[in-house]
Amino acid sequence: MNAPVVQWQLVAANPDELVKFYRELFGWSISTKNAMGYRQVTTGDGGINGGVWPSPPGGHSFVQLFVGVPDVAGAVARATELGATVIVPPTTLPDGDTMAVLKDPGGVTFGVVRHST
C-alpha cells in the first residue's frame, strides 16, 4: 500500500499565537478560508503543508502526522486489529475529505486521510 505522510497538524492551546510565530519565523502562509475556519498552513515549494487546530480545554500541544490512504475505514479497521484505538472515527469533513484520528499502541496519535481532490 502506498501511504505517504501528506500533511501535519499542530494541536495547540493557543493556535493563533503559534500561527503568528511560524509565519514570522519561516514566512509560512496561513489561511482560514474554509468551511471549518481551520488554520491551513502552506510551507512552501516542496514542503508538506499542514494546519493548526485548538487543543481541547486543559489539553496539551502536540504534532500529528496525517497519512494518505485510499480507504479511511479500512485503514482504521486494520489499525485497530494491530492494537490502535480510535479517537475520532472516520468522518467526512465539509470540504469532502474523509479523516480519522487514532492512537498507536505506543500512545502516539496520528491521522489517516483521503483527500476529495
N, C-alpha and C. Protein backbone atom coordinates (compact mmCIF):
# COMPACT_ATOMS: atom_id res chain seq x y z
N MET A 1 0.84 -1.18 0.00
CA MET A 1 0.00 0.00 0.00
C MET A 1 0.89 1.24 0.00
N ASN A 2 0.54 2.20 -0.84
CA ASN A 2 1.22 3.50 -0.84
C ASN A 2 0.53 4.37 0.20
N ALA A 3 1.24 4.75 1.24
CA ALA A 3 0.64 5.53 2.33
C ALA A 3 1.61 6.61 2.80
N PRO A 4 1.76 7.68 2.01
CA PRO A 4 2.71 8.73 2.37
C PRO A 4 2.16 9.67 3.44
N VAL A 5 3.05 10.32 4.17
CA VAL A 5 2.64 11.41 5.05
C VAL A 5 2.24 12.55 4.11
N VAL A 6 1.00 13.01 4.21
CA VAL A 6 0.50 14.04 3.29
C VAL A 6 0.27 15.39 3.96
N GLN A 7 0.19 15.40 5.27
CA GLN A 7 0.08 16.67 5.97
C GLN A 7 0.37 16.45 7.45
N TRP A 8 0.51 17.56 8.15
CA TRP A 8 0.72 17.53 9.59
C TRP A 8 -0.29 18.47 10.22
N GLN A 9 -0.51 18.26 11.50
CA GLN A 9 -1.40 19.14 12.25
C GLN A 9 -0.78 19.45 13.59
N LEU A 10 -0.69 20.70 13.90
CA LEU A 10 -0.22 21.13 15.20
C LEU A 10 -1.46 21.44 16.03
N VAL A 11 -1.65 20.73 17.12
CA VAL A 11 -2.77 20.96 18.03
C VAL A 11 -2.21 21.76 19.19
N ALA A 12 -2.80 22.93 19.44
CA ALA A 12 -2.18 23.85 20.40
C ALA A 12 -3.21 24.54 21.29
N ALA A 13 -2.79 24.81 22.51
CA ALA A 13 -3.64 25.54 23.46
C ALA A 13 -3.92 26.95 22.96
N ASN A 14 -2.96 27.57 22.28
CA ASN A 14 -3.13 28.92 21.74
C ASN A 14 -2.74 28.90 20.26
N PRO A 15 -3.63 28.41 19.39
CA PRO A 15 -3.27 28.26 17.98
C PRO A 15 -2.91 29.57 17.28
N ASP A 16 -3.58 30.66 17.62
CA ASP A 16 -3.27 31.93 16.95
C ASP A 16 -1.85 32.40 17.27
N GLU A 17 -1.41 32.18 18.50
CA GLU A 17 -0.05 32.55 18.89
C GLU A 17 0.97 31.74 18.09
N LEU A 18 0.74 30.44 17.92
CA LEU A 18 1.68 29.61 17.17
C LEU A 18 1.67 29.93 15.69
N VAL A 19 0.49 30.22 15.14
CA VAL A 19 0.42 30.62 13.73
C VAL A 19 1.28 31.86 13.50
N LYS A 20 1.16 32.84 14.39
CA LYS A 20 1.95 34.06 14.28
C LYS A 20 3.45 33.74 14.37
N PHE A 21 3.82 32.89 15.31
CA PHE A 21 5.22 32.51 15.50
C PHE A 21 5.80 31.89 14.23
N TYR A 22 5.13 30.89 13.67
CA TYR A 22 5.67 30.19 12.49
C TYR A 22 5.60 31.05 11.24
N ARG A 23 4.59 31.91 11.14
CA ARG A 23 4.52 32.83 9.99
C ARG A 23 5.72 33.76 10.02
N GLU A 24 6.02 34.31 11.21
CA GLU A 24 7.15 35.23 11.32
C GLU A 24 8.50 34.52 11.21
N LEU A 25 8.61 33.32 11.74
CA LEU A 25 9.88 32.59 11.70
C LEU A 25 10.21 32.08 10.31
N PHE A 26 9.25 31.43 9.65
CA PHE A 26 9.54 30.77 8.37
C PHE A 26 8.87 31.41 7.16
N GLY A 27 8.00 32.39 7.38
CA GLY A 27 7.30 33.00 6.26
C GLY A 27 6.17 32.15 5.71
N TRP A 28 5.72 31.17 6.50
CA TRP A 28 4.61 30.32 6.05
C TRP A 28 3.35 31.14 5.89
N SER A 29 2.52 30.79 4.91
CA SER A 29 1.25 31.49 4.75
C SER A 29 0.14 30.67 5.41
N ILE A 30 -0.81 31.40 5.99
CA ILE A 30 -1.89 30.78 6.74
C ILE A 30 -3.21 31.27 6.16
N SER A 31 -4.15 30.36 6.00
CA SER A 31 -5.48 30.73 5.51
C SER A 31 -6.54 30.04 6.37
N THR A 32 -7.61 30.77 6.65
CA THR A 32 -8.76 30.18 7.35
C THR A 32 -9.99 30.20 6.45
N LYS A 33 -9.77 30.33 5.14
CA LYS A 33 -10.88 30.39 4.19
C LYS A 33 -11.33 28.98 3.83
N ASN A 34 -11.99 28.34 4.80
CA ASN A 34 -12.54 27.00 4.60
C ASN A 34 -13.74 26.86 5.51
N ALA A 35 -14.52 25.83 5.30
CA ALA A 35 -15.81 25.67 5.99
C ALA A 35 -15.67 25.59 7.51
N MET A 36 -14.53 25.13 8.02
CA MET A 36 -14.37 24.96 9.47
C MET A 36 -13.51 26.03 10.11
N GLY A 37 -13.00 26.99 9.32
CA GLY A 37 -12.11 28.01 9.88
C GLY A 37 -10.77 27.44 10.31
N TYR A 38 -10.42 26.29 9.76
CA TYR A 38 -9.16 25.61 10.07
C TYR A 38 -8.00 26.46 9.60
N ARG A 39 -6.96 26.57 10.39
CA ARG A 39 -5.78 27.36 10.04
C ARG A 39 -4.89 26.51 9.13
N GLN A 40 -5.11 26.62 7.82
CA GLN A 40 -4.32 25.85 6.85
C GLN A 40 -2.99 26.53 6.63
N VAL A 41 -1.91 25.76 6.69
CA VAL A 41 -0.56 26.29 6.58
C VAL A 41 0.08 25.80 5.29
N THR A 42 0.56 26.74 4.48
CA THR A 42 1.33 26.42 3.28
C THR A 42 2.78 26.72 3.60
N THR A 43 3.62 25.69 3.52
CA THR A 43 5.01 25.82 3.96
C THR A 43 5.97 26.25 2.86
N GLY A 44 5.60 26.08 1.60
CA GLY A 44 6.47 26.49 0.51
C GLY A 44 6.76 25.34 -0.45
N ASP A 45 7.47 25.64 -1.52
CA ASP A 45 7.76 24.67 -2.56
C ASP A 45 8.44 23.42 -2.00
N GLY A 46 7.88 22.27 -2.31
CA GLY A 46 8.47 21.00 -1.91
C GLY A 46 8.19 20.60 -0.47
N GLY A 47 7.53 21.46 0.30
CA GLY A 47 7.25 21.15 1.70
C GLY A 47 5.93 20.43 1.89
N ILE A 48 5.76 19.83 3.04
CA ILE A 48 4.49 19.22 3.40
C ILE A 48 3.68 20.28 4.13
N ASN A 49 2.50 20.57 3.62
CA ASN A 49 1.63 21.57 4.24
C ASN A 49 0.89 20.96 5.42
N GLY A 50 0.32 21.81 6.23
CA GLY A 50 -0.37 21.31 7.40
C GLY A 50 -1.42 22.28 7.89
N GLY A 51 -1.62 22.25 9.20
CA GLY A 51 -2.62 23.11 9.78
C GLY A 51 -2.45 23.19 11.28
N VAL A 52 -3.20 24.13 11.86
CA VAL A 52 -3.16 24.34 13.30
C VAL A 52 -4.59 24.31 13.81
N TRP A 53 -4.81 23.54 14.87
CA TRP A 53 -6.13 23.35 15.44
C TRP A 53 -6.04 23.55 16.95
N PRO A 54 -7.08 24.09 17.58
CA PRO A 54 -7.01 24.27 19.03
C PRO A 54 -7.11 22.95 19.78
N SER A 55 -6.35 22.83 20.85
CA SER A 55 -6.47 21.64 21.70
C SER A 55 -7.71 21.79 22.57
N PRO A 56 -8.22 20.68 23.08
CA PRO A 56 -9.37 20.77 23.98
C PRO A 56 -8.99 21.55 25.25
N PRO A 57 -9.97 22.09 25.94
CA PRO A 57 -9.67 22.82 27.19
C PRO A 57 -8.83 21.94 28.13
N GLY A 58 -7.75 22.52 28.62
CA GLY A 58 -6.86 21.79 29.52
C GLY A 58 -5.92 20.83 28.81
N GLY A 59 -6.03 20.76 27.48
CA GLY A 59 -5.18 19.85 26.71
C GLY A 59 -3.80 20.42 26.49
N HIS A 60 -2.92 19.57 26.02
CA HIS A 60 -1.55 19.99 25.76
C HIS A 60 -1.33 20.16 24.25
N SER A 61 -0.20 20.73 23.88
CA SER A 61 0.14 20.92 22.47
C SER A 61 0.94 19.72 21.96
N PHE A 62 0.70 19.36 20.70
CA PHE A 62 1.42 18.25 20.08
C PHE A 62 1.27 18.32 18.57
N VAL A 63 2.06 17.53 17.88
CA VAL A 63 2.01 17.44 16.42
C VAL A 63 1.49 16.07 16.03
N GLN A 64 0.60 16.04 15.05
CA GLN A 64 0.10 14.78 14.49
C GLN A 64 0.49 14.72 13.02
N LEU A 65 0.86 13.54 12.58
CA LEU A 65 1.07 13.32 11.15
C LEU A 65 -0.21 12.72 10.58
N PHE A 66 -0.52 13.09 9.36
CA PHE A 66 -1.66 12.51 8.66
C PHE A 66 -1.13 11.74 7.46
N VAL A 67 -1.55 10.50 7.37
CA VAL A 67 -1.11 9.59 6.32
C VAL A 67 -2.23 9.45 5.30
N GLY A 68 -1.89 9.62 4.03
CA GLY A 68 -2.88 9.47 2.97
C GLY A 68 -3.17 8.01 2.68
N VAL A 69 -4.43 7.65 2.70
CA VAL A 69 -4.85 6.27 2.44
C VAL A 69 -6.03 6.30 1.46
N PRO A 70 -6.19 5.24 0.66
CA PRO A 70 -7.31 5.22 -0.26
C PRO A 70 -8.65 4.89 0.41
N ASP A 71 -8.60 4.27 1.61
CA ASP A 71 -9.80 3.82 2.30
C ASP A 71 -9.64 4.08 3.80
N VAL A 72 -10.23 5.15 4.28
CA VAL A 72 -10.07 5.53 5.68
C VAL A 72 -10.65 4.47 6.61
N ALA A 73 -11.87 4.01 6.33
CA ALA A 73 -12.48 3.00 7.20
C ALA A 73 -11.66 1.71 7.23
N GLY A 74 -11.13 1.32 6.08
CA GLY A 74 -10.28 0.13 6.02
C GLY A 74 -9.00 0.30 6.82
N ALA A 75 -8.40 1.48 6.73
CA ALA A 75 -7.17 1.74 7.48
C ALA A 75 -7.45 1.74 8.98
N VAL A 76 -8.59 2.29 9.39
CA VAL A 76 -8.96 2.30 10.81
C VAL A 76 -9.18 0.87 11.29
N ALA A 77 -9.86 0.07 10.49
CA ALA A 77 -10.10 -1.32 10.88
C ALA A 77 -8.78 -2.07 11.05
N ARG A 78 -7.89 -1.91 10.11
CA ARG A 78 -6.59 -2.61 10.19
C ARG A 78 -5.78 -2.10 11.38
N ALA A 79 -5.78 -0.79 11.61
CA ALA A 79 -5.04 -0.23 12.73
C ALA A 79 -5.56 -0.77 14.06
N THR A 80 -6.87 -0.87 14.20
CA THR A 80 -7.41 -1.40 15.46
C THR A 80 -7.08 -2.87 15.62
N GLU A 81 -7.04 -3.62 14.53
CA GLU A 81 -6.61 -5.03 14.60
C GLU A 81 -5.18 -5.14 15.13
N LEU A 82 -4.36 -4.13 14.80
CA LEU A 82 -2.96 -4.13 15.21
C LEU A 82 -2.73 -3.46 16.57
N GLY A 83 -3.80 -3.05 17.24
CA GLY A 83 -3.67 -2.52 18.59
C GLY A 83 -3.92 -1.04 18.76
N ALA A 84 -4.28 -0.33 17.70
CA ALA A 84 -4.59 1.10 17.82
C ALA A 84 -5.97 1.29 18.44
N THR A 85 -6.19 2.47 19.00
CA THR A 85 -7.52 2.84 19.46
C THR A 85 -7.99 4.06 18.67
N VAL A 86 -9.28 4.14 18.48
CA VAL A 86 -9.87 5.22 17.69
C VAL A 86 -10.17 6.40 18.61
N ILE A 87 -9.70 7.58 18.21
CA ILE A 87 -10.00 8.81 18.93
C ILE A 87 -11.13 9.55 18.21
N VAL A 88 -10.99 9.72 16.90
CA VAL A 88 -12.04 10.32 16.07
C VAL A 88 -12.35 9.30 14.98
N PRO A 89 -13.56 8.76 14.95
CA PRO A 89 -13.89 7.76 13.93
C PRO A 89 -13.90 8.38 12.53
N PRO A 90 -13.93 7.55 11.49
CA PRO A 90 -13.96 8.10 10.14
C PRO A 90 -15.07 9.15 10.00
N THR A 91 -14.66 10.32 9.53
CA THR A 91 -15.55 11.47 9.45
C THR A 91 -15.34 12.15 8.11
N THR A 92 -16.43 12.49 7.43
CA THR A 92 -16.33 13.28 6.21
C THR A 92 -16.48 14.75 6.59
N LEU A 93 -15.48 15.53 6.20
CA LEU A 93 -15.44 16.95 6.53
C LEU A 93 -16.24 17.75 5.50
N PRO A 94 -16.60 19.00 5.81
CA PRO A 94 -17.39 19.81 4.88
C PRO A 94 -16.76 19.96 3.49
N ASP A 95 -15.42 19.89 3.40
CA ASP A 95 -14.77 20.03 2.10
C ASP A 95 -14.74 18.73 1.31
N GLY A 96 -15.26 17.64 1.91
CA GLY A 96 -15.31 16.35 1.23
C GLY A 96 -14.21 15.39 1.60
N ASP A 97 -13.16 15.87 2.28
CA ASP A 97 -12.11 14.96 2.75
C ASP A 97 -12.69 14.04 3.82
N THR A 98 -12.13 12.83 3.91
CA THR A 98 -12.51 11.90 4.97
C THR A 98 -11.28 11.65 5.82
N MET A 99 -11.46 11.68 7.15
CA MET A 99 -10.31 11.50 8.04
C MET A 99 -10.73 10.76 9.29
N ALA A 100 -9.73 10.26 10.00
CA ALA A 100 -9.91 9.66 11.31
C ALA A 100 -8.63 9.90 12.10
N VAL A 101 -8.74 9.90 13.42
CA VAL A 101 -7.57 10.06 14.28
C VAL A 101 -7.51 8.85 15.20
N LEU A 102 -6.30 8.29 15.33
CA LEU A 102 -6.09 7.10 16.14
C LEU A 102 -4.93 7.30 17.10
N LYS A 103 -4.83 6.38 18.04
CA LYS A 103 -3.68 6.34 18.94
C LYS A 103 -3.02 4.99 18.73
N ASP A 104 -1.71 5.01 18.41
CA ASP A 104 -1.00 3.75 18.17
C ASP A 104 -0.73 3.03 19.49
N PRO A 105 -0.26 1.77 19.44
CA PRO A 105 -0.03 1.04 20.69
C PRO A 105 0.97 1.70 21.64
N GLY A 106 1.81 2.60 21.13
CA GLY A 106 2.78 3.31 21.97
C GLY A 106 2.22 4.59 22.56
N GLY A 107 0.99 4.95 22.21
CA GLY A 107 0.36 6.14 22.76
C GLY A 107 0.47 7.38 21.90
N VAL A 108 1.04 7.26 20.70
CA VAL A 108 1.20 8.40 19.79
C VAL A 108 -0.04 8.52 18.92
N THR A 109 -0.59 9.73 18.81
CA THR A 109 -1.75 9.92 17.96
C THR A 109 -1.31 10.24 16.54
N PHE A 110 -2.14 9.83 15.59
CA PHE A 110 -1.89 10.09 14.17
C PHE A 110 -3.23 10.08 13.45
N GLY A 111 -3.23 10.61 12.24
CA GLY A 111 -4.45 10.61 11.45
C GLY A 111 -4.27 9.88 10.15
N VAL A 112 -5.38 9.43 9.61
CA VAL A 112 -5.43 8.92 8.25
C VAL A 112 -6.43 9.77 7.50
N VAL A 113 -6.15 10.03 6.23
CA VAL A 113 -6.98 10.94 5.46
C VAL A 113 -7.05 10.49 4.01
N ARG A 114 -8.22 10.71 3.42
CA ARG A 114 -8.40 10.58 1.97
C ARG A 114 -8.93 11.92 1.49
N HIS A 115 -8.09 12.62 0.71
CA HIS A 115 -8.50 13.93 0.21
C HIS A 115 -9.49 13.73 -0.92
N SER A 116 -10.45 14.63 -0.99
CA SER A 116 -11.51 14.53 -2.02
C SER A 116 -11.01 14.94 -3.39
N THR A 117 -9.92 15.70 -3.44
CA THR A 117 -9.39 16.12 -4.75
C THR A 117 -7.95 15.76 -4.89
